[in-house]
Structures are given as C-alpha cells and as structure tokens.
Amino acid sequence: MSAAKNMVQEKMRNHIKQMVSTNPMIGQLNEQFTSWLLGSGLTGAEIANTIDSNKDAVIQPHELSAALEKTTGTSPPAWVINGLLTLLDSDNDKVVTVGDLFTYFEQIGLPLGIPDP
C-alpha cells in the first residue's frame, strides 16, 4: 500500500474513532452499516455504483437513502442518513465523495472490486 493510501486510511480510522467516542449512536450506525456492507455479497464498486445513482461522484443524502431503501426494503430516517454521511466524511468538508466511500470500504475490509493502480 502506498504512503498516501496509508495516510488516507489512518485519517479515516481516526475520524471513525473520534465520531464513535463523541456519539455512541454513530458507533451503532457504524457497526450496522459495516455489517450490512460486508453481508451484502457486493463489491465496493457495485455498492458505490448503486449509491451514486446520478454518477457525479458525490453522495447526496437522497441517494444514500434510496440505496438503503432499495436493498433493505425500509426507508431509513433522516438522522440515520445524516449520521452515516457524517461518518463517511473523513475530511469534514461536508461533501461525501465516491472516494470517501472507497476509503471507508477499505477500512472495513470490503473488497473494492477494482484493480489497484
């Protein structure tokens, strides 16, 4: 793994730790989201493709909500979506990109389904 990739992964790890330590609900969301992702049988690329429905590489709340509803059959409440987006936004820029998703997927051990560059 490259030094830059290691740095991004470390940043995500620290972000998750901080979020979980300051908000126990984020910890529960993280556990449930991780379990759902790992149990889905899908690769990171397939999940990102499902979530980023307009293919602009930015994850909007309605896209994440629609993807979760499509795969679980249940519409998640807004606080769940907001919590997940906060968790995924490791650089706290208020924008969750497909790159942020892939960093999270790598952090939890989800196969990305794309070749390493």
N, C-alpha and C. Protein backbone atom coordinates (compact mmCIF):
# COMPACT_ATOMS: atom_id res chain seq x y z
N MET A 1 0.85 -1.17 0.00
CA MET A 1 0.00 0.00 0.00
C MET A 1 0.90 1.24 0.00
N SER A 2 0.55 2.23 -0.78
CA SER A 2 1.37 3.43 -0.89
C SER A 2 1.28 4.27 0.39
N ALA A 3 2.26 5.15 0.55
CA ALA A 3 2.27 6.02 1.73
C ALA A 3 1.04 6.92 1.76
N ALA A 4 0.64 7.42 0.60
CA ALA A 4 -0.54 8.29 0.53
C ALA A 4 -1.80 7.52 0.93
N LYS A 5 -1.90 6.29 0.44
CA LYS A 5 -3.07 5.47 0.76
C LYS A 5 -3.09 5.15 2.26
N ASN A 6 -1.92 4.85 2.81
CA ASN A 6 -1.84 4.60 4.25
C ASN A 6 -2.28 5.82 5.05
N MET A 7 -1.88 7.00 4.59
CA MET A 7 -2.24 8.23 5.28
C MET A 7 -3.76 8.46 5.26
N VAL A 8 -4.37 8.20 4.11
CA VAL A 8 -5.82 8.36 3.98
C VAL A 8 -6.54 7.35 4.87
N GLN A 9 -6.05 6.12 4.91
CA GLN A 9 -6.66 5.10 5.76
C GLN A 9 -6.54 5.47 7.24
N GLU A 10 -5.38 5.98 7.62
CA GLU A 10 -5.18 6.39 9.02
C GLU A 10 -6.12 7.54 9.38
N LYS A 11 -6.31 8.45 8.45
CA LYS A 11 -7.22 9.57 8.67
C LYS A 11 -8.65 9.06 8.88
N MET A 12 -9.06 8.09 8.07
CA MET A 12 -10.41 7.51 8.21
C MET A 12 -10.53 6.79 9.55
N ARG A 13 -9.51 6.01 9.92
CA ARG A 13 -9.54 5.30 11.21
C ARG A 13 -9.71 6.29 12.36
N ASN A 14 -8.92 7.36 12.33
CA ASN A 14 -9.00 8.36 13.40
C ASN A 14 -10.35 9.07 13.40
N HIS A 15 -10.87 9.35 12.22
CA HIS A 15 -12.17 10.00 12.10
C HIS A 15 -13.26 9.11 12.72
N ILE A 16 -13.25 7.84 12.38
CA ILE A 16 -14.25 6.91 12.92
C ILE A 16 -14.13 6.84 14.44
N LYS A 17 -12.90 6.71 14.95
CA LYS A 17 -12.70 6.66 16.40
C LYS A 17 -13.25 7.90 17.08
N GLN A 18 -12.96 9.06 16.51
CA GLN A 18 -13.43 10.30 17.09
C GLN A 18 -14.96 10.38 17.07
N MET A 19 -15.55 10.03 15.94
CA MET A 19 -17.01 10.08 15.82
C MET A 19 -17.68 9.15 16.82
N VAL A 20 -17.14 7.94 16.95
CA VAL A 20 -17.72 6.94 17.85
C VAL A 20 -17.55 7.37 19.31
N SER A 21 -16.40 7.96 19.63
CA SER A 21 -16.16 8.36 21.02
C SER A 21 -17.03 9.54 21.45
N THR A 22 -17.42 10.38 20.51
CA THR A 22 -18.23 11.55 20.86
C THR A 22 -19.72 11.30 20.71
N ASN A 23 -20.10 10.25 19.99
CA ASN A 23 -21.52 9.99 19.75
C ASN A 23 -21.75 8.49 19.66
N PRO A 24 -22.24 7.87 20.73
CA PRO A 24 -22.47 6.42 20.73
C PRO A 24 -23.40 5.94 19.61
N MET A 25 -24.34 6.78 19.19
CA MET A 25 -25.24 6.39 18.10
C MET A 25 -24.46 6.21 16.80
N ILE A 26 -23.44 7.03 16.59
CA ILE A 26 -22.60 6.87 15.40
C ILE A 26 -21.90 5.52 15.45
N GLY A 27 -21.49 5.11 16.64
CA GLY A 27 -20.87 3.79 16.80
C GLY A 27 -21.81 2.67 16.39
N GLN A 28 -23.06 2.78 16.81
CA GLN A 28 -24.05 1.76 16.44
C GLN A 28 -24.32 1.79 14.94
N LEU A 29 -24.43 3.00 14.37
CA LEU A 29 -24.63 3.11 12.92
C LEU A 29 -23.46 2.50 12.17
N ASN A 30 -22.26 2.77 12.65
CA ASN A 30 -21.06 2.23 12.00
C ASN A 30 -21.08 0.71 12.01
N GLU A 31 -21.42 0.12 13.16
CA GLU A 31 -21.47 -1.34 13.26
C GLU A 31 -22.53 -1.92 12.33
N GLN A 32 -23.70 -1.33 12.31
CA GLN A 32 -24.78 -1.85 11.47
C GLN A 32 -24.49 -1.66 9.99
N PHE A 33 -23.94 -0.50 9.62
CA PHE A 33 -23.60 -0.22 8.23
C PHE A 33 -22.51 -1.18 7.77
N THR A 34 -21.49 -1.38 8.61
CA THR A 34 -20.41 -2.30 8.28
C THR A 34 -20.95 -3.71 8.09
N SER A 35 -21.79 -4.15 9.00
CA SER A 35 -22.38 -5.49 8.90
C SER A 35 -23.19 -5.64 7.63
N TRP A 36 -23.98 -4.63 7.31
CA TRP A 36 -24.79 -4.67 6.09
C TRP A 36 -23.90 -4.73 4.85
N LEU A 37 -22.87 -3.88 4.81
CA LEU A 37 -21.98 -3.85 3.65
C LEU A 37 -21.26 -5.19 3.46
N LEU A 38 -20.68 -5.71 4.55
CA LEU A 38 -19.93 -6.96 4.45
C LEU A 38 -20.84 -8.15 4.15
N GLY A 39 -22.07 -8.08 4.59
CA GLY A 39 -23.01 -9.17 4.35
C GLY A 39 -23.76 -9.08 3.03
N SER A 40 -23.54 -8.01 2.30
CA SER A 40 -24.30 -7.78 1.07
C SER A 40 -23.89 -8.69 -0.08
N GLY A 41 -22.66 -9.21 -0.04
CA GLY A 41 -22.17 -10.02 -1.15
C GLY A 41 -21.74 -9.19 -2.34
N LEU A 42 -21.74 -7.87 -2.19
CA LEU A 42 -21.37 -6.97 -3.27
C LEU A 42 -19.96 -6.42 -3.05
N THR A 43 -19.33 -6.00 -4.13
CA THR A 43 -18.04 -5.33 -4.02
C THR A 43 -18.27 -3.85 -3.73
N GLY A 44 -17.22 -3.19 -3.31
CA GLY A 44 -17.31 -1.75 -3.09
C GLY A 44 -17.74 -1.00 -4.33
N ALA A 45 -17.22 -1.42 -5.48
CA ALA A 45 -17.58 -0.76 -6.74
C ALA A 45 -19.07 -0.91 -7.03
N GLU A 46 -19.62 -2.09 -6.78
CA GLU A 46 -21.05 -2.32 -7.01
C GLU A 46 -21.90 -1.49 -6.06
N ILE A 47 -21.47 -1.40 -4.81
CA ILE A 47 -22.23 -0.61 -3.83
C ILE A 47 -22.16 0.87 -4.18
N ALA A 48 -20.97 1.35 -4.51
CA ALA A 48 -20.81 2.77 -4.88
C ALA A 48 -21.66 3.09 -6.11
N ASN A 49 -21.69 2.17 -7.06
CA ASN A 49 -22.49 2.38 -8.27
C ASN A 49 -23.98 2.46 -7.93
N THR A 50 -24.41 1.67 -6.97
CA THR A 50 -25.81 1.70 -6.54
C THR A 50 -26.13 3.00 -5.79
N ILE A 51 -25.23 3.40 -4.91
CA ILE A 51 -25.48 4.60 -4.11
C ILE A 51 -25.41 5.87 -4.95
N ASP A 52 -24.36 6.01 -5.77
CA ASP A 52 -24.19 7.22 -6.58
C ASP A 52 -25.01 7.11 -7.85
N SER A 53 -26.31 7.21 -7.70
CA SER A 53 -27.22 6.94 -8.82
C SER A 53 -27.09 7.91 -9.98
N ASN A 54 -26.69 9.15 -9.73
CA ASN A 54 -26.54 10.09 -10.85
C ASN A 54 -25.12 10.15 -11.39
N LYS A 55 -24.23 9.34 -10.83
CA LYS A 55 -22.85 9.16 -11.31
C LYS A 55 -22.04 10.46 -11.33
N ASP A 56 -22.27 11.33 -10.35
CA ASP A 56 -21.49 12.57 -10.28
C ASP A 56 -20.34 12.49 -9.28
N ALA A 57 -20.14 11.32 -8.68
CA ALA A 57 -19.07 11.04 -7.71
C ALA A 57 -19.27 11.75 -6.37
N VAL A 58 -20.45 12.31 -6.14
CA VAL A 58 -20.79 12.93 -4.86
C VAL A 58 -22.03 12.23 -4.33
N ILE A 59 -21.96 11.80 -3.08
CA ILE A 59 -23.07 11.07 -2.48
C ILE A 59 -24.01 12.06 -1.78
N GLN A 60 -25.21 12.16 -2.30
CA GLN A 60 -26.23 13.04 -1.73
C GLN A 60 -27.08 12.24 -0.73
N PRO A 61 -27.65 12.91 0.25
CA PRO A 61 -28.49 12.20 1.22
C PRO A 61 -29.60 11.37 0.57
N HIS A 62 -30.26 11.92 -0.44
CA HIS A 62 -31.36 11.16 -1.06
C HIS A 62 -30.84 9.92 -1.80
N GLU A 63 -29.61 9.97 -2.30
CA GLU A 63 -29.04 8.80 -2.98
C GLU A 63 -28.75 7.68 -1.98
N LEU A 64 -28.15 8.03 -0.85
CA LEU A 64 -27.85 7.03 0.17
C LEU A 64 -29.15 6.44 0.71
N SER A 65 -30.12 7.29 0.96
CA SER A 65 -31.41 6.84 1.47
C SER A 65 -32.09 5.89 0.48
N ALA A 66 -32.10 6.26 -0.79
CA ALA A 66 -32.73 5.41 -1.81
C ALA A 66 -32.02 4.07 -1.94
N ALA A 67 -30.69 4.07 -1.87
CA ALA A 67 -29.93 2.82 -1.98
C ALA A 67 -30.22 1.91 -0.79
N LEU A 68 -30.26 2.48 0.40
CA LEU A 68 -30.57 1.67 1.58
C LEU A 68 -31.99 1.13 1.53
N GLU A 69 -32.92 1.97 1.10
CA GLU A 69 -34.32 1.51 0.99
C GLU A 69 -34.44 0.40 -0.05
N LYS A 70 -33.74 0.56 -1.16
CA LYS A 70 -33.80 -0.44 -2.24
C LYS A 70 -33.26 -1.79 -1.77
N THR A 71 -32.20 -1.77 -0.99
CA THR A 71 -31.57 -3.03 -0.59
C THR A 71 -32.14 -3.63 0.69
N THR A 72 -32.72 -2.79 1.55
CA THR A 72 -33.25 -3.32 2.81
C THR A 72 -34.77 -3.39 2.84
N GLY A 73 -35.42 -2.65 1.94
CA GLY A 73 -36.87 -2.61 1.93
C GLY A 73 -37.46 -1.65 2.94
N THR A 74 -36.60 -0.92 3.64
CA THR A 74 -37.04 0.03 4.65
C THR A 74 -36.43 1.39 4.39
N SER A 75 -37.24 2.43 4.50
CA SER A 75 -36.74 3.79 4.33
C SER A 75 -36.10 4.26 5.64
N PRO A 76 -34.80 4.55 5.62
CA PRO A 76 -34.15 4.98 6.86
C PRO A 76 -34.55 6.41 7.24
N PRO A 77 -34.64 6.69 8.53
CA PRO A 77 -34.95 8.06 8.94
C PRO A 77 -33.79 9.01 8.59
N ALA A 78 -34.10 10.28 8.51
CA ALA A 78 -33.10 11.29 8.13
C ALA A 78 -31.90 11.29 9.06
N TRP A 79 -32.10 11.06 10.36
CA TRP A 79 -30.97 11.09 11.28
C TRP A 79 -29.99 9.96 11.00
N VAL A 80 -30.48 8.83 10.51
CA VAL A 80 -29.58 7.73 10.14
C VAL A 80 -28.74 8.13 8.94
N ILE A 81 -29.37 8.70 7.93
CA ILE A 81 -28.64 9.13 6.73
C ILE A 81 -27.62 10.20 7.10
N ASN A 82 -28.03 11.18 7.89
CA ASN A 82 -27.10 12.24 8.29
C ASN A 82 -25.93 11.68 9.10
N GLY A 83 -26.22 10.73 9.98
CA GLY A 83 -25.16 10.09 10.76
C GLY A 83 -24.18 9.34 9.89
N LEU A 84 -24.70 8.59 8.93
CA LEU A 84 -23.81 7.84 8.02
C LEU A 84 -22.97 8.79 7.17
N LEU A 85 -23.58 9.85 6.67
CA LEU A 85 -22.82 10.80 5.85
C LEU A 85 -21.72 11.47 6.68
N THR A 86 -22.02 11.78 7.93
CA THR A 86 -21.00 12.36 8.81
C THR A 86 -19.87 11.36 9.04
N LEU A 87 -20.22 10.11 9.23
CA LEU A 87 -19.22 9.06 9.42
C LEU A 87 -18.33 8.90 8.19
N LEU A 88 -18.92 8.95 7.02
CA LEU A 88 -18.18 8.75 5.77
C LEU A 88 -17.32 9.96 5.39
N ASP A 89 -17.64 11.13 5.91
CA ASP A 89 -16.95 12.37 5.55
C ASP A 89 -15.70 12.55 6.41
N SER A 90 -14.65 11.80 6.10
CA SER A 90 -13.46 11.78 6.96
C SER A 90 -12.70 13.09 6.97
N ASP A 91 -12.85 13.92 5.94
CA ASP A 91 -12.14 15.21 5.94
C ASP A 91 -13.03 16.36 6.41
N ASN A 92 -14.24 16.05 6.83
CA ASN A 92 -15.17 17.03 7.38
C ASN A 92 -15.42 18.23 6.47
N ASP A 93 -15.43 17.98 5.16
CA ASP A 93 -15.68 19.09 4.22
C ASP A 93 -17.15 19.19 3.83
N LYS A 94 -17.99 18.38 4.48
CA LYS A 94 -19.45 18.37 4.24
C LYS A 94 -19.83 17.81 2.87
N VAL A 95 -18.87 17.15 2.21
CA VAL A 95 -19.12 16.51 0.92
C VAL A 95 -18.61 15.08 1.02
N VAL A 96 -19.47 14.11 0.74
CA VAL A 96 -19.06 12.71 0.71
C VAL A 96 -18.94 12.30 -0.74
N THR A 97 -17.73 11.92 -1.12
CA THR A 97 -17.47 11.53 -2.50
C THR A 97 -17.38 10.01 -2.60
N VAL A 98 -17.36 9.52 -3.82
CA VAL A 98 -17.15 8.09 -4.04
C VAL A 98 -15.79 7.70 -3.47
N GLY A 99 -14.82 8.60 -3.56
CA GLY A 99 -13.50 8.34 -2.95
C GLY A 99 -13.61 8.12 -1.45
N ASP A 100 -14.43 8.91 -0.78
CA ASP A 100 -14.67 8.71 0.66
C ASP A 100 -15.28 7.33 0.92
N LEU A 101 -16.22 6.95 0.06
CA LEU A 101 -16.83 5.62 0.20
C LEU A 101 -15.78 4.52 0.09
N PHE A 102 -14.93 4.61 -0.94
CA PHE A 102 -13.90 3.59 -1.13
C PHE A 102 -12.93 3.54 0.04
N THR A 103 -12.59 4.69 0.59
CA THR A 103 -11.71 4.71 1.76
C THR A 103 -12.38 3.99 2.93
N TYR A 104 -13.66 4.25 3.13
CA TYR A 104 -14.40 3.57 4.19
C TYR A 104 -14.46 2.07 3.91
N PHE A 105 -14.75 1.70 2.68
CA PHE A 105 -14.84 0.28 2.33
C PHE A 105 -13.52 -0.43 2.62
N GLU A 106 -12.41 0.19 2.25
CA GLU A 106 -11.10 -0.41 2.53
C GLU A 106 -10.88 -0.53 4.03
N GLN A 107 -11.31 0.46 4.77
CA GLN A 107 -11.13 0.47 6.22
C GLN A 107 -11.85 -0.70 6.88
N ILE A 108 -13.01 -1.06 6.37
CA ILE A 108 -13.77 -2.16 6.98
C ILE A 108 -13.46 -3.52 6.36
N GLY A 109 -12.59 -3.54 5.35
CA GLY A 109 -12.20 -4.80 4.73
C GLY A 109 -13.11 -5.29 3.62
N LEU A 110 -13.90 -4.39 3.05
CA LEU A 110 -14.78 -4.77 1.94
C LEU A 110 -13.98 -4.77 0.65
N PRO A 111 -13.99 -5.88 -0.10
CA PRO A 111 -13.29 -5.89 -1.39
C PRO A 111 -13.86 -4.82 -2.32
N LEU A 112 -12.96 -4.04 -2.92
CA LEU A 112 -13.42 -2.95 -3.78
C LEU A 112 -13.92 -3.43 -5.12
N GLY A 113 -13.36 -4.51 -5.64
CA GLY A 113 -13.79 -5.00 -6.95
C GLY A 113 -13.21 -4.21 -8.10
N ILE A 114 -12.16 -3.47 -7.82
CA ILE A 114 -11.45 -2.74 -8.88
C ILE A 114 -9.96 -3.03 -8.72
N PRO A 115 -9.22 -3.08 -9.85
CA PRO A 115 -7.79 -3.36 -9.73
C PRO A 115 -7.05 -2.19 -9.09
N ASP A 116 -6.01 -2.51 -8.32
CA ASP A 116 -5.15 -1.46 -7.77
C ASP A 116 -4.39 -0.79 -8.90
N PRO A 117 -4.22 0.54 -8.80
CA PRO A 117 -3.49 1.24 -9.87
C PRO A 117 -2.02 0.87 -9.88
